[in-house]
Amino acid sequence: MTELTTVEANVLNIILPYRFDNPIKFEKVQERTKPGRRTLQNVLEAIKKKGHPVGSHKTAPFGLYMAMTKEELEIGMRANVKQAETTLETARIQRNIDFEEYWRRGINGRQ
């Protein structure tokens, strides 16, 4: 595993005691660490990329937790996987735009 930065280690230490059925709310982690929302999201992404099993509930009980099993981690990744699939589908559609056809149709020809 790659070594954590000080900020990453601080965030991970806050999440470590929390489990699947008793997660810590994102806002609580943010209050304790003081970074902005986007910064904390980036720190969490870095922690996950470094191999730490941080899961997140996007439905009740909302929050972050340390997964103890593969199943808990899979549940915590569902929203991320769905978002990634949606992003890739959008990119696929945009890459296939026929620009000549698009601009030839004009404003009224677009759906």
PDB file of N, CA and C in Angstrom:
ATOM      1  N   MET A   1       0.830  -1.184   0.000  1.00  0.00           N
ATOM      2  CA  MET A   1       0.000   0.000   0.000  1.00  0.00           C
ATOM      3  C   MET A   1       0.875   1.247   0.000  1.00  0.00           C
ATOM      4  N   THR A   2       0.428   2.258  -0.719  1.00  0.00           N
ATOM      5  CA  THR A   2       1.134   3.523  -0.779  1.00  0.00           C
ATOM      6  C   THR A   2       0.957   4.274   0.536  1.00  0.00           C
ATOM      7  N   GLU A   3       1.996   4.983   0.927  1.00  0.00           N
ATOM      8  CA  GLU A   3       1.950   5.744   2.169  1.00  0.00           C
ATOM      9  C   GLU A   3       0.943   6.892   2.071  1.00  0.00           C
ATOM     10  N   LEU A   4       0.292   7.158   3.191  1.00  0.00           N
ATOM     11  CA  LEU A   4      -0.700   8.231   3.249  1.00  0.00           C
ATOM     12  C   LEU A   4      -0.042   9.563   3.600  1.00  0.00           C
ATOM     13  N   THR A   5      -0.610  10.635   3.082  1.00  0.00           N
ATOM     14  CA  THR A   5      -0.198  11.971   3.520  1.00  0.00           C
ATOM     15  C   THR A   5      -0.748  12.187   4.920  1.00  0.00           C
ATOM     16  N   THR A   6      -0.320  13.243   5.559  1.00  0.00           N
ATOM     17  CA  THR A   6      -0.813  13.559   6.906  1.00  0.00           C
ATOM     18  C   THR A   6      -2.316  13.792   6.895  1.00  0.00           C
ATOM     19  N   VAL A   7      -2.797  14.518   5.913  1.00  0.00           N
ATOM     20  CA  VAL A   7      -4.238  14.797   5.818  1.00  0.00           C
ATOM     21  C   VAL A   7      -5.015  13.504   5.595  1.00  0.00           C
ATOM     22  N   GLU A   8      -4.526  12.656   4.686  1.00  0.00           N
ATOM     23  CA  GLU A   8      -5.189  11.379   4.416  1.00  0.00           C
ATOM     24  C   GLU A   8      -5.226  10.512   5.668  1.00  0.00           C
ATOM     25  N   ALA A   9      -4.110  10.461   6.392  1.00  0.00           N
ATOM     26  CA  ALA A   9      -4.051   9.664   7.626  1.00  0.00           C
ATOM     27  C   ALA A   9      -5.029  10.199   8.662  1.00  0.00           C
ATOM     28  N   ASN A  10      -5.142  11.510   8.779  1.00  0.00           N
ATOM     29  CA  ASN A  10      -6.086  12.106   9.736  1.00  0.00           C
ATOM     30  C   ASN A  10      -7.524  11.717   9.388  1.00  0.00           C
ATOM     31  N   VAL A  11      -7.872  11.810   8.120  1.00  0.00           N
ATOM     32  CA  VAL A  11      -9.228  11.461   7.685  1.00  0.00           C
ATOM     33  C   VAL A  11      -9.480   9.971   7.919  1.00  0.00           C
ATOM     34  N   LEU A  12      -8.533   9.128   7.556  1.00  0.00           N
ATOM     35  CA  LEU A  12      -8.696   7.690   7.744  1.00  0.00           C
ATOM     36  C   LEU A  12      -8.853   7.349   9.228  1.00  0.00           C
ATOM     37  N   ASN A  13      -8.086   7.992  10.083  1.00  0.00           N
ATOM     38  CA  ASN A  13      -8.197   7.742  11.528  1.00  0.00           C
ATOM     39  C   ASN A  13      -9.567   8.115  12.078  1.00  0.00           C
ATOM     40  N   ILE A  14     -10.191   9.116  11.495  1.00  0.00           N
ATOM     41  CA  ILE A  14     -11.550   9.500  11.924  1.00  0.00           C
ATOM     42  C   ILE A  14     -12.547   8.418  11.516  1.00  0.00           C
ATOM     43  N   ILE A  15     -12.388   7.868  10.318  1.00  0.00           N
ATOM     44  CA  ILE A  15     -13.339   6.882   9.785  1.00  0.00           C
ATOM     45  C   ILE A  15     -13.120   5.483  10.369  1.00  0.00           C
ATOM     46  N   LEU A  16     -11.883   5.151  10.753  1.00  0.00           N
ATOM     47  CA  LEU A  16     -11.528   3.793  11.188  1.00  0.00           C
ATOM     48  C   LEU A  16     -12.500   3.131  12.166  1.00  0.00           C
ATOM     49  N   PRO A  17     -13.002   3.816  13.197  1.00  0.00           N
ATOM     50  CA  PRO A  17     -13.896   3.123  14.138  1.00  0.00           C
ATOM     51  C   PRO A  17     -15.313   2.876  13.618  1.00  0.00           C
ATOM     52  N   TYR A  18     -15.672   3.451  12.485  1.00  0.00           N
ATOM     53  CA  TYR A  18     -17.048   3.366  11.985  1.00  0.00           C
ATOM     54  C   TYR A  18     -17.211   2.193  11.035  1.00  0.00           C
ATOM     55  N   ARG A  19     -18.343   1.495  11.196  1.00  0.00           N
ATOM     56  CA  ARG A  19     -18.612   0.286  10.428  1.00  0.00           C
ATOM     57  C   ARG A  19     -19.864   0.440   9.584  1.00  0.00           C
ATOM     58  N   PHE A  20     -20.125  -0.580   8.794  1.00  0.00           N
ATOM     59  CA  PHE A  20     -21.228  -0.623   7.838  1.00  0.00           C
ATOM     60  C   PHE A  20     -22.563  -0.197   8.455  1.00  0.00           C
ATOM     61  N   ASP A  21     -22.888  -0.739   9.656  1.00  0.00           N
ATOM     62  CA  ASP A  21     -24.197  -0.410  10.240  1.00  0.00           C
ATOM     63  C   ASP A  21     -24.173   0.838  11.103  1.00  0.00           C
ATOM     64  N   ASN A  22     -23.017   1.458  11.263  1.00  0.00           N
ATOM     65  CA  ASN A  22     -22.929   2.678  12.062  1.00  0.00           C
ATOM     66  C   ASN A  22     -21.902   3.624  11.430  1.00  0.00           C
ATOM     67  N   PRO A  23     -22.218   4.156  10.246  1.00  0.00           N
ATOM     68  CA  PRO A  23     -21.261   5.014   9.549  1.00  0.00           C
ATOM     69  C   PRO A  23     -21.203   6.420  10.163  1.00  0.00           C
ATOM     70  N   ILE A  24     -20.149   7.145   9.818  1.00  0.00           N
ATOM     71  CA  ILE A  24     -20.030   8.543  10.235  1.00  0.00           C
ATOM     72  C   ILE A  24     -20.458   9.417   9.070  1.00  0.00           C
ATOM     73  N   LYS A  25     -21.240  10.425   9.351  1.00  0.00           N
ATOM     74  CA  LYS A  25     -21.709  11.325   8.297  1.00  0.00           C
ATOM     75  C   LYS A  25     -20.534  12.114   7.707  1.00  0.00           C
ATOM     76  N   PHE A  26     -20.582  12.317   6.411  1.00  0.00           N
ATOM     77  CA  PHE A  26     -19.561  13.065   5.679  1.00  0.00           C
ATOM     78  C   PHE A  26     -19.318  14.416   6.350  1.00  0.00           C
ATOM     79  N   GLU A  27     -20.406  15.075   6.731  1.00  0.00           N
ATOM     80  CA  GLU A  27     -20.297  16.406   7.334  1.00  0.00           C
ATOM     81  C   GLU A  27     -19.548  16.370   8.662  1.00  0.00           C
ATOM     82  N   LYS A  28     -19.692  15.278   9.409  1.00  0.00           N
ATOM     83  CA  LYS A  28     -18.969  15.140  10.683  1.00  0.00           C
ATOM     84  C   LYS A  28     -17.465  15.028  10.429  1.00  0.00           C
ATOM     85  N   VAL A  29     -17.101  14.267   9.400  1.00  0.00           N
ATOM     86  CA  VAL A  29     -15.681  14.158   9.044  1.00  0.00           C
ATOM     87  C   VAL A  29     -15.177  15.528   8.612  1.00  0.00           C
ATOM     88  N   GLN A  30     -15.971  16.227   7.837  1.00  0.00           N
ATOM     89  CA  GLN A  30     -15.605  17.561   7.355  1.00  0.00           C
ATOM     90  C   GLN A  30     -15.425  18.530   8.525  1.00  0.00           C
ATOM     91  N   GLU A  31     -16.328  18.477   9.503  1.00  0.00           N
ATOM     92  CA  GLU A  31     -16.215  19.348  10.684  1.00  0.00           C
ATOM     93  C   GLU A  31     -14.922  19.094  11.436  1.00  0.00           C
ATOM     94  N   ARG A  32     -14.537  17.836  11.534  1.00  0.00           N
ATOM     95  CA  ARG A  32     -13.354  17.472  12.321  1.00  0.00           C
ATOM     96  C   ARG A  32     -12.048  17.727  11.576  1.00  0.00           C
ATOM     97  N   THR A  33     -12.092  17.777  10.255  1.00  0.00           N
ATOM     98  CA  THR A  33     -10.861  17.954   9.485  1.00  0.00           C
ATOM     99  C   THR A  33     -10.744  19.340   8.874  1.00  0.00           C
ATOM    100  N   LYS A  34     -11.843  20.038   8.724  1.00  0.00           N
ATOM    101  CA  LYS A  34     -11.908  21.413   8.233  1.00  0.00           C
ATOM    102  C   LYS A  34     -11.671  21.670   6.739  1.00  0.00           C
ATOM    103  N   PRO A  35     -11.467  20.668   5.887  1.00  0.00           N
ATOM    104  CA  PRO A  35     -11.317  21.016   4.466  1.00  0.00           C
ATOM    105  C   PRO A  35     -12.679  21.293   3.839  1.00  0.00           C
ATOM    106  N   GLY A  36     -12.669  21.903   2.673  1.00  0.00           N
ATOM    107  CA  GLY A  36     -13.903  22.099   1.936  1.00  0.00           C
ATOM    108  C   GLY A  36     -14.439  20.761   1.449  1.00  0.00           C
ATOM    109  N   ARG A  37     -15.674  20.774   1.004  1.00  0.00           N
ATOM    110  CA  ARG A  37     -16.334  19.540   0.555  1.00  0.00           C
ATOM    111  C   ARG A  37     -15.549  18.837  -0.564  1.00  0.00           C
ATOM    112  N   ARG A  38     -15.171  19.602  -1.582  1.00  0.00           N
ATOM    113  CA  ARG A  38     -14.463  19.011  -2.720  1.00  0.00           C
ATOM    114  C   ARG A  38     -13.099  18.471  -2.295  1.00  0.00           C
ATOM    115  N   THR A  39     -12.419  19.200  -1.416  1.00  0.00           N
ATOM    116  CA  THR A  39     -11.112  18.740  -0.928  1.00  0.00           C
ATOM    117  C   THR A  39     -11.254  17.420  -0.192  1.00  0.00           C
ATOM    118  N   LEU A  40     -12.269  17.319   0.666  1.00  0.00           N
ATOM    119  CA  LEU A  40     -12.484  16.077   1.408  1.00  0.00           C
ATOM    120  C   LEU A  40     -12.825  14.935   0.446  1.00  0.00           C
ATOM    121  N   GLN A  41     -13.616  15.212  -0.574  1.00  0.00           N
ATOM    122  CA  GLN A  41     -13.927  14.181  -1.570  1.00  0.00           C
ATOM    123  C   GLN A  41     -12.645  13.698  -2.248  1.00  0.00           C
ATOM    124  N   ASN A  42     -11.751  14.615  -2.563  1.00  0.00           N
ATOM    125  CA  ASN A  42     -10.479  14.243  -3.195  1.00  0.00           C
ATOM    126  C   ASN A  42      -9.613  13.413  -2.252  1.00  0.00           C
ATOM    127  N   VAL A  43      -9.600  13.780  -0.968  1.00  0.00           N
ATOM    128  CA  VAL A  43      -8.828  13.027   0.022  1.00  0.00           C
ATOM    129  C   VAL A  43      -9.386  11.610   0.138  1.00  0.00           C
ATOM    130  N   LEU A  44     -10.707  11.482   0.197  1.00  0.00           N
ATOM    131  CA  LEU A  44     -11.329  10.155   0.283  1.00  0.00           C
ATOM    132  C   LEU A  44     -11.001   9.316  -0.954  1.00  0.00           C
ATOM    133  N   GLU A  45     -11.031   9.930  -2.111  1.00  0.00           N
ATOM    134  CA  GLU A  45     -10.687   9.226  -3.348  1.00  0.00           C
ATOM    135  C   GLU A  45      -9.237   8.730  -3.289  1.00  0.00           C
ATOM    136  N   ALA A  46      -8.339   9.568  -2.800  1.00  0.00           N
ATOM    137  CA  ALA A  46      -6.928   9.181  -2.694  1.00  0.00           C
ATOM    138  C   ALA A  46      -6.755   8.011  -1.718  1.00  0.00           C
ATOM    139  N   ILE A  47      -7.459   8.060  -0.600  1.00  0.00           N
ATOM    140  CA  ILE A  47      -7.387   6.974   0.391  1.00  0.00           C
ATOM    141  C   ILE A  47      -7.846   5.657  -0.236  1.00  0.00           C
ATOM    142  N   LYS A  48      -8.949   5.715  -0.975  1.00  0.00           N
ATOM    143  CA  LYS A  48      -9.484   4.513  -1.627  1.00  0.00           C
ATOM    144  C   LYS A  48      -8.507   3.990  -2.674  1.00  0.00           C
ATOM    145  N   LYS A  49      -7.892   4.894  -3.444  1.00  0.00           N
ATOM    146  CA  LYS A  49      -6.940   4.486  -4.480  1.00  0.00           C
ATOM    147  C   LYS A  49      -5.694   3.851  -3.870  1.00  0.00           C
ATOM    148  N   LYS A  50      -5.428   4.172  -2.625  1.00  0.00           N
ATOM    149  CA  LYS A  50      -4.261   3.605  -1.939  1.00  0.00           C
ATOM    150  C   LYS A  50      -4.595   2.287  -1.250  1.00  0.00           C
ATOM    151  N   GLY A  51      -5.792   1.765  -1.519  1.00  0.00           N
ATOM    152  CA  GLY A  51      -6.136   0.418  -1.083  1.00  0.00           C
ATOM    153  C   GLY A  51      -6.839   0.291   0.247  1.00  0.00           C
ATOM    154  N   HIS A  52      -7.390   1.367   0.765  1.00  0.00           N
ATOM    155  CA  HIS A  52      -8.119   1.292   2.034  1.00  0.00           C
ATOM    156  C   HIS A  52      -9.606   1.090   1.757  1.00  0.00           C
ATOM    157  N   PRO A  53     -10.252   0.133   2.448  1.00  0.00           N
ATOM    158  CA  PRO A  53     -11.640  -0.227   2.147  1.00  0.00           C
ATOM    159  C   PRO A  53     -12.678   0.717   2.754  1.00  0.00           C
ATOM    160  N   VAL A  54     -12.663   1.962   2.292  1.00  0.00           N
ATOM    161  CA  VAL A  54     -13.637   2.948   2.766  1.00  0.00           C
ATOM    162  C   VAL A  54     -14.890   2.818   1.905  1.00  0.00           C
ATOM    163  N   GLY A  55     -16.005   2.592   2.550  1.00  0.00           N
ATOM    164  CA  GLY A  55     -17.275   2.509   1.854  1.00  0.00           C
ATOM    165  C   GLY A  55     -18.119   3.727   2.197  1.00  0.00           C
ATOM    166  N   SER A  56     -19.164   3.940   1.422  1.00  0.00           N
ATOM    167  CA  SER A  56     -20.063   5.050   1.732  1.00  0.00           C
ATOM    168  C   SER A  56     -21.499   4.672   1.385  1.00  0.00           C
ATOM    169  N   HIS A  57     -22.378   4.974   2.330  1.00  0.00           N
ATOM    170  CA  HIS A  57     -23.811   4.770   2.111  1.00  0.00           C
ATOM    171  C   HIS A  57     -24.387   6.026   1.483  1.00  0.00           C
ATOM    172  N   LYS A  58     -25.044   5.874   0.351  1.00  0.00           N
ATOM    173  CA  LYS A  58     -25.715   6.999  -0.309  1.00  0.00           C
ATOM    174  C   LYS A  58     -27.188   7.041   0.057  1.00  0.00           C
ATOM    175  N   THR A  59     -27.641   6.033   0.797  1.00  0.00           N
ATOM    176  CA  THR A  59     -29.000   6.003   1.332  1.00  0.00           C
ATOM    177  C   THR A  59     -28.888   5.762   2.837  1.00  0.00           C
ATOM    178  N   ALA A  60     -29.969   5.881   3.566  1.00  0.00           N
ATOM    179  CA  ALA A  60     -29.926   5.719   5.026  1.00  0.00           C
ATOM    180  C   ALA A  60     -29.385   4.348   5.399  1.00  0.00           C
ATOM    181  N   PRO A  61     -28.493   4.225   6.343  1.00  0.00           N
ATOM    182  CA  PRO A  61     -27.894   5.291   7.142  1.00  0.00           C
ATOM    183  C   PRO A  61     -26.733   5.938   6.386  1.00  0.00           C
ATOM    184  N   PHE A  62     -26.895   7.175   5.975  1.00  0.00           N
ATOM    185  CA  PHE A  62     -25.886   7.873   5.186  1.00  0.00           C
ATOM    186  C   PHE A  62     -24.564   7.934   5.936  1.00  0.00           C
ATOM    187  N   GLY A  63     -23.459   7.867   5.190  1.00  0.00           N
ATOM    188  CA  GLY A  63     -22.168   8.083   5.823  1.00  0.00           C
ATOM    189  C   GLY A  63     -21.054   7.206   5.295  1.00  0.00           C
ATOM    190  N   LEU A  64     -19.898   7.379   5.914  1.00  0.00           N
ATOM    191  CA  LEU A  64     -18.677   6.675   5.548  1.00  0.00           C
ATOM    192  C   LEU A  64     -18.376   5.608   6.580  1.00  0.00           C
ATOM    193  N   TYR A  65     -17.750   4.520   6.127  1.00  0.00           N
ATOM    194  CA  TYR A  65     -17.430   3.432   7.047  1.00  0.00           C
ATOM    195  C   TYR A  65     -16.245   2.639   6.500  1.00  0.00           C
ATOM    196  N   MET A  66     -15.640   1.852   7.378  1.00  0.00           N
ATOM    197  CA  MET A  66     -14.582   0.937   6.974  1.00  0.00           C
ATOM    198  C   MET A  66     -15.239  -0.422   6.719  1.00  0.00           C
ATOM    199  N   ALA A  67     -15.169  -0.881   5.497  1.00  0.00           N
ATOM    200  CA  ALA A  67     -15.765  -2.171   5.138  1.00  0.00           C
ATOM    201  C   ALA A  67     -14.941  -3.299   5.757  1.00  0.00           C
ATOM    202  N   MET A  68     -15.645  -4.275   6.301  1.00  0.00           N
ATOM    203  CA  MET A  68     -14.994  -5.437   6.901  1.00  0.00           C
ATOM    204  C   MET A  68     -15.031  -6.640   5.965  1.00  0.00           C
ATOM    205  N   THR A  69     -15.908  -6.575   4.940  1.00  0.00           N
ATOM    206  CA  THR A  69     -16.037  -7.678   3.992  1.00  0.00           C
ATOM    207  C   THR A  69     -16.135  -7.120   2.569  1.00  0.00           C
ATOM    208  N   LYS A  70     -15.912  -7.994   1.616  1.00  0.00           N
ATOM    209  CA  LYS A  70     -16.049  -7.616   0.205  1.00  0.00           C
ATOM    210  C   LYS A  70     -17.478  -7.144  -0.080  1.00  0.00           C
ATOM    211  N   GLU A  71     -18.473  -7.829   0.510  1.00  0.00           N
ATOM    212  CA  GLU A  71     -19.875  -7.461   0.298  1.00  0.00           C
ATOM    213  C   GLU A  71     -20.160  -6.042   0.791  1.00  0.00           C
ATOM    214  N   GLU A  72     -19.656  -5.686   1.968  1.00  0.00           N
ATOM    215  CA  GLU A  72     -19.857  -4.327   2.485  1.00  0.00           C
ATOM    216  C   GLU A  72     -19.220  -3.294   1.567  1.00  0.00           C
ATOM    217  N   LEU A  73     -18.055  -3.612   1.045  1.00  0.00           N
ATOM    218  CA  LEU A  73     -17.388  -2.673   0.146  1.00  0.00           C
ATOM    219  C   LEU A  73     -18.155  -2.544  -1.168  1.00  0.00           C
ATOM    220  N   GLU A  74     -18.643  -3.666  -1.702  1.00  0.00           N
ATOM    221  CA  GLU A  74     -19.428  -3.633  -2.944  1.00  0.00           C
ATOM    222  C   GLU A  74     -20.670  -2.759  -2.784  1.00  0.00           C
ATOM    223  N   ILE A  75     -21.350  -2.907  -1.653  1.00  0.00           N
ATOM    224  CA  ILE A  75     -22.546  -2.086  -1.393  1.00  0.00           C
ATOM    225  C   ILE A  75     -22.156  -0.615  -1.366  1.00  0.00           C
ATOM    226  N   GLY A  76     -21.027  -0.323  -0.748  1.00  0.00           N
ATOM    227  CA  GLY A  76     -20.564   1.056  -0.648  1.00  0.00           C
ATOM    228  C   GLY A  76     -20.078   1.653  -1.951  1.00  0.00           C
ATOM    229  N   MET A  77     -19.813   0.804  -2.933  1.00  0.00           N
ATOM    230  CA  MET A  77     -19.319   1.286  -4.229  1.00  0.00           C
ATOM    231  C   MET A  77     -20.420   1.408  -5.280  1.00  0.00           C
ATOM    232  N   ARG A  78     -21.610   0.933  -4.996  1.00  0.00           N
ATOM    233  CA  ARG A  78     -22.686   0.899  -6.009  1.00  0.00           C
ATOM    234  C   ARG A  78     -22.949   2.252  -6.655  1.00  0.00           C
ATOM    235  N   ALA A  79     -23.101   3.285  -5.838  1.00  0.00           N
ATOM    236  CA  ALA A  79     -23.411   4.608  -6.392  1.00  0.00           C
ATOM    237  C   ALA A  79     -22.259   5.106  -7.256  1.00  0.00           C
ATOM    238  N   ASN A  80     -21.022   4.846  -6.828  1.00  0.00           N
ATOM    239  CA  ASN A  80     -19.860   5.275  -7.608  1.00  0.00           C
ATOM    240  C   ASN A  80     -19.808   4.553  -8.946  1.00  0.00           C
ATOM    241  N   VAL A  81     -20.088   3.257  -8.941  1.00  0.00           N
ATOM    242  CA  VAL A  81     -20.073   2.465 -10.169  1.00  0.00           C
ATOM    243  C   VAL A  81     -21.168   2.963 -11.112  1.00  0.00           C
ATOM    244  N   LYS A  82     -22.358   3.218 -10.595  1.00  0.00           N
ATOM    245  CA  LYS A  82     -23.465   3.717 -11.417  1.00  0.00           C
ATOM    246  C   LYS A  82     -23.111   5.074 -12.022  1.00  0.00           C
ATOM    247  N   GLN A  83     -22.521   5.953 -11.212  1.00  0.00           N
ATOM    248  CA  GLN A  83     -22.129   7.276 -11.702  1.00  0.00           C
ATOM    249  C   GLN A  83     -21.076   7.142 -12.807  1.00  0.00           C
ATOM    250  N   ALA A  84     -20.115   6.242 -12.620  1.00  0.00           N
ATOM    251  CA  ALA A  84     -19.076   6.032 -13.624  1.00  0.00           C
ATOM    252  C   ALA A  84     -19.682   5.499 -14.924  1.00  0.00           C
ATOM    253  N   GLU A  85     -20.621   4.570 -14.815  1.00  0.00           N
ATOM    254  CA  GLU A  85     -21.275   4.025 -16.005  1.00  0.00           C
ATOM    255  C   GLU A  85     -22.028   5.116 -16.751  1.00  0.00           C
ATOM    256  N   THR A  86     -22.720   5.974 -16.020  1.00  0.00           N
ATOM    257  CA  THR A  86     -23.457   7.080 -16.637  1.00  0.00           C
ATOM    258  C   THR A  86     -22.500   8.041 -17.332  1.00  0.00           C
ATOM    259  N   THR A  87     -21.388   8.365 -16.690  1.00  0.00           N
ATOM    260  CA  THR A  87     -20.393   9.263 -17.274  1.00  0.00           C
ATOM    261  C   THR A  87     -19.811   8.667 -18.545  1.00  0.00           C
ATOM    262  N   LEU A  88     -19.495   7.375 -18.526  1.00  0.00           N
ATOM    263  CA  LEU A  88     -18.947   6.719 -19.714  1.00  0.00           C
ATOM    264  C   LEU A  88     -19.962   6.671 -20.855  1.00  0.00           C
ATOM    265  N   GLU A  89     -21.228   6.451 -20.523  1.00  0.00           N
ATOM    266  CA  GLU A  89     -22.280   6.438 -21.552  1.00  0.00           C
ATOM    267  C   GLU A  89     -22.411   7.824 -22.197  1.00  0.00           C
ATOM    268  N   THR A  90     -22.368   8.866 -21.377  1.00  0.00           N
ATOM    269  CA  THR A  90     -22.441  10.232 -21.902  1.00  0.00           C
ATOM    270  C   THR A  90     -21.249  10.506 -22.818  1.00  0.00           C
ATOM    271  N   ALA A  91     -20.064  10.106 -22.406  1.00  0.00           N
ATOM    272  CA  ALA A  91     -18.869  10.303 -23.230  1.00  0.00           C
ATOM    273  C   ALA A  91     -18.991   9.550 -24.547  1.00  0.00           C
ATOM    274  N   ARG A  92     -19.510   8.310 -24.507  1.00  0.00           N
ATOM    275  CA  ARG A  92     -19.688   7.522 -25.725  1.00  0.00           C
ATOM    276  C   ARG A  92     -20.625   8.235 -26.702  1.00  0.00           C
ATOM    277  N   ILE A  93     -21.735   8.742 -26.184  1.00  0.00           N
ATOM    278  CA  ILE A  93     -22.709   9.446 -27.030  1.00  0.00           C
ATOM    279  C   ILE A  93     -22.073  10.696 -27.643  1.00  0.00           C
ATOM    280  N   GLN A  94     -21.365  11.459 -26.826  1.00  0.00           N
ATOM    281  CA  GLN A  94     -20.768  12.697 -27.344  1.00  0.00           C
ATOM    282  C   GLN A  94     -19.671  12.422 -28.368  1.00  0.00           C
ATOM    283  N   ARG A  95     -18.910  11.361 -28.164  1.00  0.00           N
ATOM    284  CA  ARG A  95     -17.864  11.020 -29.133  1.00  0.00           C
ATOM    285  C   ARG A  95     -18.449  10.636 -30.487  1.00  0.00           C
ATOM    286  N   ASN A  96     -19.678  10.180 -30.487  1.00  0.00           N
ATOM    287  CA  ASN A  96     -20.317   9.738 -31.728  1.00  0.00           C
ATOM    288  C   ASN A  96     -21.162  10.823 -32.394  1.00  0.00           C
ATOM    289  N   ILE A  97     -21.057  12.058 -31.929  1.00  0.00           N
ATOM    290  CA  ILE A  97     -21.810  13.146 -32.565  1.00  0.00           C
ATOM    291  C   ILE A  97     -21.294  13.350 -33.991  1.00  0.00           C
ATOM    292  N   ASP A  98     -22.214  13.391 -34.913  1.00  0.00           N
ATOM    293  CA  ASP A  98     -21.898  13.716 -36.308  1.00  0.00           C
ATOM    294  C   ASP A  98     -22.074  15.228 -36.424  1.00  0.00           C
ATOM    295  N   PHE A  99     -20.961  15.956 -36.384  1.00  0.00           N
ATOM    296  CA  PHE A  99     -21.037  17.414 -36.344  1.00  0.00           C
ATOM    297  C   PHE A  99     -21.612  18.021 -37.616  1.00  0.00           C
ATOM    298  N   GLU A 100     -21.307  17.438 -38.754  1.00  0.00           N
ATOM    299  CA  GLU A 100     -21.888  17.953 -39.997  1.00  0.00           C
ATOM    300  C   GLU A 100     -23.402  17.852 -39.944  1.00  0.00           C
ATOM    301  N   GLU A 101     -23.909  16.687 -39.559  1.00  0.00           N
ATOM    302  CA  GLU A 101     -25.353  16.464 -39.462  1.00  0.00           C
ATOM    303  C   GLU A 101     -25.972  17.372 -38.394  1.00  0.00           C
ATOM    304  N   TYR A 102     -25.322  17.466 -37.261  1.00  0.00           N
ATOM    305  CA  TYR A 102     -25.843  18.267 -36.151  1.00  0.00           C
ATOM    306  C   TYR A 102     -26.056  19.718 -36.569  1.00  0.00           C
ATOM    307  N   TRP A 103     -25.027  20.324 -37.155  1.00  0.00           N
ATOM    308  CA  TRP A 103     -25.123  21.736 -37.511  1.00  0.00           C
ATOM    309  C   TRP A 103     -25.943  21.960 -38.781  1.00  0.00           C
ATOM    310  N   ARG A 104     -26.049  20.965 -39.626  1.00  0.00           N
ATOM    311  CA  ARG A 104     -26.869  21.097 -40.831  1.00  0.00           C
ATOM    312  C   ARG A 104     -28.359  21.163 -40.453  1.00  0.00           C
ATOM    313  N   ARG A 105     -28.759  20.420 -39.431  1.00  0.00           N
ATOM    314  CA  ARG A 105     -30.162  20.403 -39.018  1.00  0.00           C
ATOM    315  C   ARG A 105     -30.648  21.745 -38.481  1.00  0.00           C
ATOM    316  N   GLY A 106     -29.766  22.514 -37.893  1.00  0.00           N
ATOM    317  CA  GLY A 106     -30.166  23.805 -37.344  1.00  0.00           C
ATOM    318  C   GLY A 106     -30.921  23.650 -36.021  1.00  0.00           C
ATOM    319  N   ILE A 107     -31.239  24.769 -35.417  1.00  0.00           N
ATOM    320  CA  ILE A 107     -31.880  24.792 -34.107  1.00  0.00           C
ATOM    321  C   ILE A 107     -33.186  24.032 -34.095  1.00  0.00           C
ATOM    322  N   ASN A 108     -34.040  24.248 -35.079  1.00  0.00           N
ATOM    323  CA  ASN A 108     -35.367  23.636 -35.083  1.00  0.00           C
ATOM    324  C   ASN A 108     -35.338  22.125 -35.330  1.00  0.00           C
ATOM    325  N   GLY A 109     -34.252  21.623 -35.899  1.00  0.00           N
ATOM    326  CA  GLY A 109     -34.175  20.194 -36.188  1.00  0.00           C
ATOM    327  C   GLY A 109     -33.655  19.367 -35.020  1.00  0.00           C
ATOM    328  N   ARG A 110     -33.241  20.028 -33.953  1.00  0.00           N
ATOM    329  CA  ARG A 110     -32.687  19.293 -32.792  1.00  0.00           C
ATOM    330  C   ARG A 110     -33.781  18.917 -31.838  1.00  0.00           C
ATOM    331  N   GLN A 111     -33.582  17.821 -31.186  1.00  0.00           N
ATOM    332  CA  GLN A 111     -34.565  17.328 -30.200  1.00  0.00           C
ATOM    333  C   GLN A 111     -34.238  17.870 -28.829  1.00  0.00           C
TER     334      GLN A 111
END
